[in-house]
PDB file of all heavy atoms in Angstrom:
ATOM      1  N   ALA A   1      23.624  67.230  89.914  1.00  0.00           N
ATOM      2  CA  ALA A   1      24.661  68.123  89.400  1.00  0.00           C
ATOM      3  C   ALA A   1      24.235  68.792  88.094  1.00  0.00           C
ATOM      4  O   ALA A   1      24.586  69.936  87.821  1.00  0.00           O
ATOM      5  CB  ALA A   1      25.960  67.352  89.195  1.00  0.00           C
ATOM      6  N   HIS A   2      23.451  68.094  87.291  1.00  0.00           N
ATOM      7  CA  HIS A   2      23.035  68.625  85.986  1.00  0.00           C
ATOM      8  C   HIS A   2      21.836  69.563  86.068  1.00  0.00           C
ATOM      9  O   HIS A   2      21.509  70.253  85.111  1.00  0.00           O
ATOM     10  CB  HIS A   2      22.663  67.456  85.058  1.00  0.00           C
ATOM     11  CG  HIS A   2      21.464  66.691  85.538  1.00  0.00           C
ATOM     12  ND1 HIS A   2      21.530  65.792  86.585  1.00  0.00           N
ATOM     13  CD2 HIS A   2      20.162  66.740  85.160  1.00  0.00           C
ATOM     14  CE1 HIS A   2      20.320  65.302  86.802  1.00  0.00           C
ATOM     15  NE2 HIS A   2      19.475  65.850  85.938  1.00  0.00           N
ATOM     16  N   SER A   3      21.159  69.608  87.192  1.00  0.00           N
ATOM     17  CA  SER A   3      19.933  70.407  87.282  1.00  0.00           C
ATOM     18  C   SER A   3      20.208  71.758  87.939  1.00  0.00           C
ATOM     19  O   SER A   3      21.231  71.957  88.579  1.00  0.00           O
ATOM     20  CB  SER A   3      18.863  69.655  88.067  1.00  0.00           C
ATOM     21  OG  SER A   3      19.281  69.481  89.398  1.00  0.00           O
ATOM     22  N   ALA A   4      19.280  72.639  87.775  1.00  0.00           N
ATOM     23  CA  ALA A   4      19.424  73.993  88.300  1.00  0.00           C
ATOM     24  C   ALA A   4      18.628  74.142  89.597  1.00  0.00           C
ATOM     25  O   ALA A   4      17.720  74.945  89.689  1.00  0.00           O
ATOM     26  CB  ALA A   4      18.946  74.998  87.265  1.00  0.00           C
ATOM     27  N   VAL A   5      19.000  73.363  90.600  1.00  0.00           N
ATOM     28  CA  VAL A   5      18.332  73.456  91.888  1.00  0.00           C
ATOM     29  C   VAL A   5      18.925  74.644  92.630  1.00  0.00           C
ATOM     30  O   VAL A   5      20.136  74.795  92.713  1.00  0.00           O
ATOM     31  CB  VAL A   5      18.524  72.165  92.718  1.00  0.00           C
ATOM     32  CG1 VAL A   5      17.840  72.301  94.062  1.00  0.00           C
ATOM     33  CG2 VAL A   5      17.980  70.979  91.968  1.00  0.00           C
ATOM     34  N   GLU A   6      18.032  75.469  93.185  1.00  0.00           N
ATOM     35  CA  GLU A   6      18.500  76.656  93.886  1.00  0.00           C
ATOM     36  C   GLU A   6      18.374  76.487  95.396  1.00  0.00           C
ATOM     37  O   GLU A   6      17.514  75.776  95.874  1.00  0.00           O
ATOM     38  CB  GLU A   6      17.686  77.873  93.438  1.00  0.00           C
ATOM     39  CG  GLU A   6      17.855  78.184  91.970  1.00  0.00           C
ATOM     40  CD  GLU A   6      16.981  79.330  91.503  1.00  0.00           C
ATOM     41  OE1 GLU A   6      16.315  79.961  92.358  1.00  0.00           O
ATOM     42  OE2 GLU A   6      16.973  79.583  90.298  1.00  0.00           O
ATOM     43  N   GLY A   7      19.248  77.150  96.126  1.00  0.00           N
ATOM     44  CA  GLY A   7      19.171  77.156  97.578  1.00  0.00           C
ATOM     45  C   GLY A   7      19.790  75.914  98.196  1.00  0.00           C
ATOM     46  O   GLY A   7      20.568  75.197  97.575  1.00  0.00           O
ATOM     47  N   ASP A   8      19.431  75.656  99.449  1.00  0.00           N
ATOM     48  CA  ASP A   8      19.990  74.551 100.212  1.00  0.00           C
ATOM     49  C   ASP A   8      19.107  73.309 100.135  1.00  0.00           C
ATOM     50  O   ASP A   8      19.135  72.465 101.023  1.00  0.00           O
ATOM     51  CB  ASP A   8      20.157  74.965 101.685  1.00  0.00           C
ATOM     52  CG  ASP A   8      21.182  76.076 101.844  1.00  0.00           C
ATOM     53  OD1 ASP A   8      22.123  76.112 101.037  1.00  0.00           O
ATOM     54  OD2 ASP A   8      21.018  76.897 102.768  1.00  0.00           O
ATOM     55  N   TRP A   9      18.330  73.180  99.082  1.00  0.00           N
ATOM     56  CA  TRP A   9      17.388  72.079  98.964  1.00  0.00           C
ATOM     57  C   TRP A   9      18.085  70.725  99.025  1.00  0.00           C
ATOM     58  O   TRP A   9      17.634  69.820  99.720  1.00  0.00           O
ATOM     59  CB  TRP A   9      16.593  72.208  97.661  1.00  0.00           C
ATOM     60  CG  TRP A   9      15.708  71.046  97.420  1.00  0.00           C
ATOM     61  CD1 TRP A   9      14.516  70.793  98.018  1.00  0.00           C
ATOM     62  CD2 TRP A   9      15.953  69.946  96.544  1.00  0.00           C
ATOM     63  NE1 TRP A   9      13.986  69.611  97.565  1.00  0.00           N
ATOM     64  CE2 TRP A   9      14.866  69.063  96.653  1.00  0.00           C
ATOM     65  CE3 TRP A   9      16.983  69.620  95.676  1.00  0.00           C
ATOM     66  CZ2 TRP A   9      14.775  67.888  95.932  1.00  0.00           C
ATOM     67  CZ3 TRP A   9      16.894  68.457  94.944  1.00  0.00           C
ATOM     68  CH2 TRP A   9      15.800  67.597  95.081  1.00  0.00           C
ATOM     69  N   ILE A  10      19.226  70.555  98.322  1.00  0.00           N
ATOM     70  CA  ILE A  10      19.916  69.259  98.298  1.00  0.00           C
ATOM     71  C   ILE A  10      20.434  68.913  99.690  1.00  0.00           C
ATOM     72  O   ILE A  10      20.287  67.778 100.153  1.00  0.00           O
ATOM     73  CB  ILE A  10      21.055  69.244  97.256  1.00  0.00           C
ATOM     74  CG1 ILE A  10      20.462  69.375  95.849  1.00  0.00           C
ATOM     75  CG2 ILE A  10      21.883  67.969  97.366  1.00  0.00           C
ATOM     76  CD1 ILE A  10      21.493  69.518  94.748  1.00  0.00           C
ATOM     77  N   SER A  11      21.000  69.885 100.373  1.00  0.00           N
ATOM     78  CA  SER A  11      21.507  69.636 101.730  1.00  0.00           C
ATOM     79  C   SER A  11      20.366  69.246 102.672  1.00  0.00           C
ATOM     80  O   SER A  11      20.515  68.337 103.498  1.00  0.00           O
ATOM     81  CB  SER A  11      22.220  70.874 102.271  1.00  0.00           C
ATOM     82  OG  SER A  11      23.356  71.165 101.476  1.00  0.00           O
ATOM     83  N   ALA A  12      19.214  69.918 102.537  1.00  0.00           N
ATOM     84  CA  ALA A  12      18.055  69.586 103.379  1.00  0.00           C
ATOM     85  C   ALA A  12      17.552  68.187 103.074  1.00  0.00           C
ATOM     86  O   ALA A  12      17.198  67.430 103.981  1.00  0.00           O
ATOM     87  CB  ALA A  12      16.941  70.618 103.165  1.00  0.00           C
ATOM     88  N   LEU A  13      17.545  67.804 101.787  1.00  0.00           N
ATOM     89  CA  LEU A  13      17.105  66.460 101.398  1.00  0.00           C
ATOM     90  C   LEU A  13      18.083  65.414 101.935  1.00  0.00           C
ATOM     91  O   LEU A  13      17.663  64.369 102.434  1.00  0.00           O
ATOM     92  CB  LEU A  13      16.978  66.359  99.876  1.00  0.00           C
ATOM     93  CG  LEU A  13      16.488  65.024  99.322  1.00  0.00           C
ATOM     94  CD1 LEU A  13      15.107  64.676  99.865  1.00  0.00           C
ATOM     95  CD2 LEU A  13      16.469  65.059  97.798  1.00  0.00           C
ATOM     96  N   GLU A  14      19.388  65.694 101.850  1.00  0.00           N
ATOM     97  CA  GLU A  14      20.386  64.765 102.404  1.00  0.00           C
ATOM     98  C   GLU A  14      20.172  64.568 103.898  1.00  0.00           C
ATOM     99  O   GLU A  14      20.226  63.440 104.399  1.00  0.00           O
ATOM    100  CB  GLU A  14      21.800  65.289 102.152  1.00  0.00           C
ATOM    101  CG  GLU A  14      22.325  65.021 100.780  1.00  0.00           C
ATOM    102  CD  GLU A  14      23.752  65.509 100.619  1.00  0.00           C
ATOM    103  OE1 GLU A  14      24.151  66.497 101.289  1.00  0.00           O
ATOM    104  OE2 GLU A  14      24.478  64.902  99.818  1.00  0.00           O
ATOM    105  N   THR A  15      19.920  65.652 104.598  1.00  0.00           N
ATOM    106  CA  THR A  15      19.689  65.573 106.045  1.00  0.00           C
ATOM    107  C   THR A  15      18.451  64.723 106.336  1.00  0.00           C
ATOM    108  O   THR A  15      18.471  63.868 107.229  1.00  0.00           O
ATOM    109  CB  THR A  15      19.519  66.986 106.642  1.00  0.00           C
ATOM    110  OG1 THR A  15      20.699  67.749 106.366  1.00  0.00           O
ATOM    111  CG2 THR A  15      19.260  66.938 108.133  1.00  0.00           C
ATOM    112  N   ALA A  16      17.397  64.937 105.568  1.00  0.00           N
ATOM    113  CA  ALA A  16      16.171  64.153 105.753  1.00  0.00           C
ATOM    114  C   ALA A  16      16.417  62.673 105.455  1.00  0.00           C
ATOM    115  O   ALA A  16      15.939  61.793 106.184  1.00  0.00           O
ATOM    116  CB  ALA A  16      15.059  64.707 104.864  1.00  0.00           C
ATOM    117  N   CYS A  17      17.176  62.372 104.407  1.00  0.00           N
ATOM    118  CA  CYS A  17      17.489  60.979 104.062  1.00  0.00           C
ATOM    119  C   CYS A  17      18.303  60.308 105.169  1.00  0.00           C
ATOM    120  O   CYS A  17      18.034  59.158 105.536  1.00  0.00           O
ATOM    121  CB  CYS A  17      18.245  60.905 102.729  1.00  0.00           C
ATOM    122  SG  CYS A  17      17.199  61.211 101.286  1.00  0.00           S
ATOM    123  N   ARG A  18      19.275  61.033 105.706  1.00  0.00           N
ATOM    124  CA  ARG A  18      20.075  60.473 106.810  1.00  0.00           C
ATOM    125  C   ARG A  18      19.192  60.167 108.020  1.00  0.00           C
ATOM    126  O   ARG A  18      19.363  59.140 108.685  1.00  0.00           O
ATOM    127  CB  ARG A  18      21.185  61.448 107.199  1.00  0.00           C
ATOM    128  CG  ARG A  18      22.350  61.437 106.254  1.00  0.00           C
ATOM    129  CD  ARG A  18      23.546  62.215 106.827  1.00  0.00           C
ATOM    130  NE  ARG A  18      24.478  62.523 105.758  1.00  0.00           N
ATOM    131  CZ  ARG A  18      24.545  63.689 105.121  1.00  0.00           C
ATOM    132  NH1 ARG A  18      23.772  64.690 105.482  1.00  0.00           N
ATOM    133  NH2 ARG A  18      25.410  63.882 104.150  1.00  0.00           N
ATOM    134  N   LYS A  19      18.258  61.063 108.309  1.00  0.00           N
ATOM    135  CA  LYS A  19      17.344  60.873 109.434  1.00  0.00           C
ATOM    136  C   LYS A  19      16.485  59.618 109.216  1.00  0.00           C
ATOM    137  O   LYS A  19      16.290  58.822 110.140  1.00  0.00           O
ATOM    138  CB  LYS A  19      16.454  62.114 109.572  1.00  0.00           C
ATOM    139  CG  LYS A  19      15.496  62.090 110.727  1.00  0.00           C
ATOM    140  CD  LYS A  19      14.706  63.405 110.772  1.00  0.00           C
ATOM    141  CE  LYS A  19      13.643  63.360 111.838  1.00  0.00           C
ATOM    142  NZ  LYS A  19      12.836  64.591 111.857  1.00  0.00           N
ATOM    143  N   VAL A  20      15.997  59.432 107.993  1.00  0.00           N
ATOM    144  CA  VAL A  20      15.176  58.252 107.676  1.00  0.00           C
ATOM    145  C   VAL A  20      16.005  56.985 107.820  1.00  0.00           C
ATOM    146  O   VAL A  20      15.545  55.978 108.377  1.00  0.00           O
ATOM    147  CB  VAL A  20      14.582  58.377 106.246  1.00  0.00           C
ATOM    148  CG1 VAL A  20      14.043  57.048 105.748  1.00  0.00           C
ATOM    149  CG2 VAL A  20      13.492  59.440 106.223  1.00  0.00           C
ATOM    150  N   ILE A  21      17.228  57.011 107.333  1.00  0.00           N
ATOM    151  CA  ILE A  21      18.103  55.834 107.439  1.00  0.00           C
ATOM    152  C   ILE A  21      18.386  55.519 108.910  1.00  0.00           C
ATOM    153  O   ILE A  21      18.327  54.363 109.333  1.00  0.00           O
ATOM    154  CB  ILE A  21      19.418  56.055 106.653  1.00  0.00           C
ATOM    155  CG1 ILE A  21      19.129  56.155 105.150  1.00  0.00           C
ATOM    156  CG2 ILE A  21      20.411  54.921 106.926  1.00  0.00           C
ATOM    157  CD1 ILE A  21      20.303  56.670 104.320  1.00  0.00           C
ATOM    158  N   LYS A  22      18.690  56.564 109.686  1.00  0.00           N
ATOM    159  CA  LYS A  22      19.018  56.367 111.090  1.00  0.00           C
ATOM    160  C   LYS A  22      17.828  55.827 111.889  1.00  0.00           C
ATOM    161  O   LYS A  22      17.965  54.870 112.645  1.00  0.00           O
ATOM    162  CB  LYS A  22      19.491  57.692 111.696  1.00  0.00           C
ATOM    163  CG  LYS A  22      19.919  57.583 113.144  1.00  0.00           C
ATOM    164  CD  LYS A  22      20.418  58.922 113.662  1.00  0.00           C
ATOM    165  CE  LYS A  22      20.830  58.804 115.114  1.00  0.00           C
ATOM    166  NZ  LYS A  22      21.269  60.080 115.658  1.00  0.00           N
ATOM    167  N   LYS A  23      16.648  56.415 111.715  1.00  0.00           N
ATOM    168  CA  LYS A  23      15.472  56.027 112.491  1.00  0.00           C
ATOM    169  C   LYS A  23      14.715  54.847 111.887  1.00  0.00           C
ATOM    170  O   LYS A  23      13.943  54.181 112.572  1.00  0.00           O
ATOM    171  CB  LYS A  23      14.515  57.202 112.644  1.00  0.00           C
ATOM    172  CG  LYS A  23      15.064  58.300 113.533  1.00  0.00           C
ATOM    173  CD  LYS A  23      14.002  59.338 113.813  1.00  0.00           C
ATOM    174  CE  LYS A  23      14.515  60.335 114.841  1.00  0.00           C
ATOM    175  NZ  LYS A  23      13.478  61.261 115.253  1.00  0.00           N
ATOM    176  N   GLY A  24      14.879  54.630 110.591  1.00  0.00           N
ATOM    177  CA  GLY A  24      14.160  53.536 109.933  1.00  0.00           C
ATOM    178  C   GLY A  24      12.683  53.814 109.724  1.00  0.00           C
ATOM    179  O   GLY A  24      11.896  52.899 109.534  1.00  0.00           O
ATOM    180  N   GLU A  25      12.283  55.088 109.768  1.00  0.00           N
ATOM    181  CA  GLU A  25      10.880  55.474 109.597  1.00  0.00           C
ATOM    182  C   GLU A  25      10.726  56.376 108.383  1.00  0.00           C
ATOM    183  O   GLU A  25      11.528  57.272 108.158  1.00  0.00           O
ATOM    184  CB  GLU A  25      10.382  56.222 110.836  1.00  0.00           C
ATOM    185  CG  GLU A  25      10.415  55.386 112.099  1.00  0.00           C
ATOM    186  CD  GLU A  25      10.067  56.190 113.342  1.00  0.00           C
ATOM    187  OE1 GLU A  25       9.781  57.407 113.217  1.00  0.00           O
ATOM    188  OE2 GLU A  25      10.080  55.603 114.435  1.00  0.00           O
ATOM    189  N   SER A  26       9.674  56.129 107.617  1.00  0.00           N
ATOM    190  CA  SER A  26       9.388  56.950 106.438  1.00  0.00           C
ATOM    191  C   SER A  26       8.858  58.315 106.851  1.00  0.00           C
ATOM    192  O   SER A  26       8.236  58.456 107.908  1.00  0.00           O
ATOM    193  CB  SER A  26       8.353  56.264 105.551  1.00  0.00           C
ATOM    194  OG  SER A  26       8.833  55.024 105.096  1.00  0.00           O
ATOM    195  N   ILE A  27       9.093  59.317 105.999  1.00  0.00           N
ATOM    196  CA  ILE A  27       8.544  60.657 106.223  1.00  0.00           C
ATOM    197  C   ILE A  27       8.010  61.195 104.902  1.00  0.00           C
ATOM    198  O   ILE A  27       8.414  60.748 103.823  1.00  0.00           O
ATOM    199  CB  ILE A  27       9.593  61.639 106.808  1.00  0.00           C
ATOM    200  CG1 ILE A  27      10.786  61.809 105.858  1.00  0.00           C
ATOM    201  CG2 ILE A  27      10.046  61.203 108.179  1.00  0.00           C
ATOM    202  CD1 ILE A  27      11.719  62.944 106.261  1.00  0.00           C
ATOM    203  N   SER A  28       7.099  62.147 105.013  1.00  0.00           N
ATOM    204  CA  SER A  28       6.564  62.857 103.848  1.00  0.00           C
ATOM    205  C   SER A  28       6.386  64.314 104.221  1.00  0.00           C
ATOM    206  O   SER A  28       6.018  64.627 105.352  1.00  0.00           O
ATOM    207  CB  SER A  28       5.218  62.288 103.421  1.00  0.00           C
ATOM    208  OG  SER A  28       5.364  61.002 102.896  1.00  0.00           O
ATOM    209  N   TYR A  29       6.642  65.186 103.273  1.00  0.00           N
ATOM    210  CA  TYR A  29       6.439  66.614 103.522  1.00  0.00           C
ATOM    211  C   TYR A  29       6.249  67.334 102.192  1.00  0.00           C
ATOM    212  O   TYR A  29       6.561  66.808 101.131  1.00  0.00           O
ATOM    213  CB  TYR A  29       7.617  67.220 104.302  1.00  0.00           C
ATOM    214  CG  TYR A  29       8.976  66.993 103.680  1.00  0.00           C
ATOM    215  CD1 TYR A  29       9.519  67.928 102.800  1.00  0.00           C
ATOM    216  CD2 TYR A  29       9.722  65.855 103.966  1.00  0.00           C
ATOM    217  CE1 TYR A  29      10.763  67.730 102.223  1.00  0.00           C
ATOM    218  CE2 TYR A  29      10.961  65.652 103.394  1.00  0.00           C
ATOM    219  CZ  TYR A  29      11.485  66.590 102.530  1.00  0.00           C
ATOM    220  OH  TYR A  29      12.713  66.382 101.963  1.00  0.00           O
ATOM    221  N   THR A  30       5.695  68.534 102.294  1.00  0.00           N
ATOM    222  CA  THR A  30       5.466  69.370 101.129  1.00  0.00           C
ATOM    223  C   THR A  30       6.342  70.602 101.256  1.00  0.00           C
ATOM    224  O   THR A  30       6.496  71.152 102.343  1.00  0.00           O
ATOM    225  CB  THR A  30       3.984  69.783 101.060  1.00  0.00           C
ATOM    226  OG1 THR A  30       3.187  68.604 101.021  1.00  0.00           O
ATOM    227  CG2 THR A  30       3.693  70.611  99.832  1.00  0.00           C
ATOM    228  N   GLU A  31       6.914  71.012 100.121  1.00  0.00           N
ATOM    229  CA  GLU A  31       7.758  72.200 100.135  1.00  0.00           C
ATOM    230  C   GLU A  31       7.741  72.866  98.767  1.00  0.00           C
ATOM    231  O   GLU A  31       7.378  72.241  97.766  1.00  0.00           O
ATOM    232  CB  GLU A  31       9.191  71.839 100.521  1.00  0.00           C
ATOM    233  CG  GLU A  31       9.878  70.906  99.541  1.00  0.00           C
ATOM    234  CD  GLU A  31      11.249  70.441 100.011  1.00  0.00           C
ATOM    235  OE1 GLU A  31      11.881  71.147 100.800  1.00  0.00           O
ATOM    236  OE2 GLU A  31      11.670  69.380  99.570  1.00  0.00           O
TER     237      GLU A  31
END
């Protein structure tokens, strides 16, 4: 909330975190 993140980055990160929790597998990516 305190940072100046632009775009849908937080929503994309939340989606990725949910996927990791659901599948139980780690992921890595560059963006």
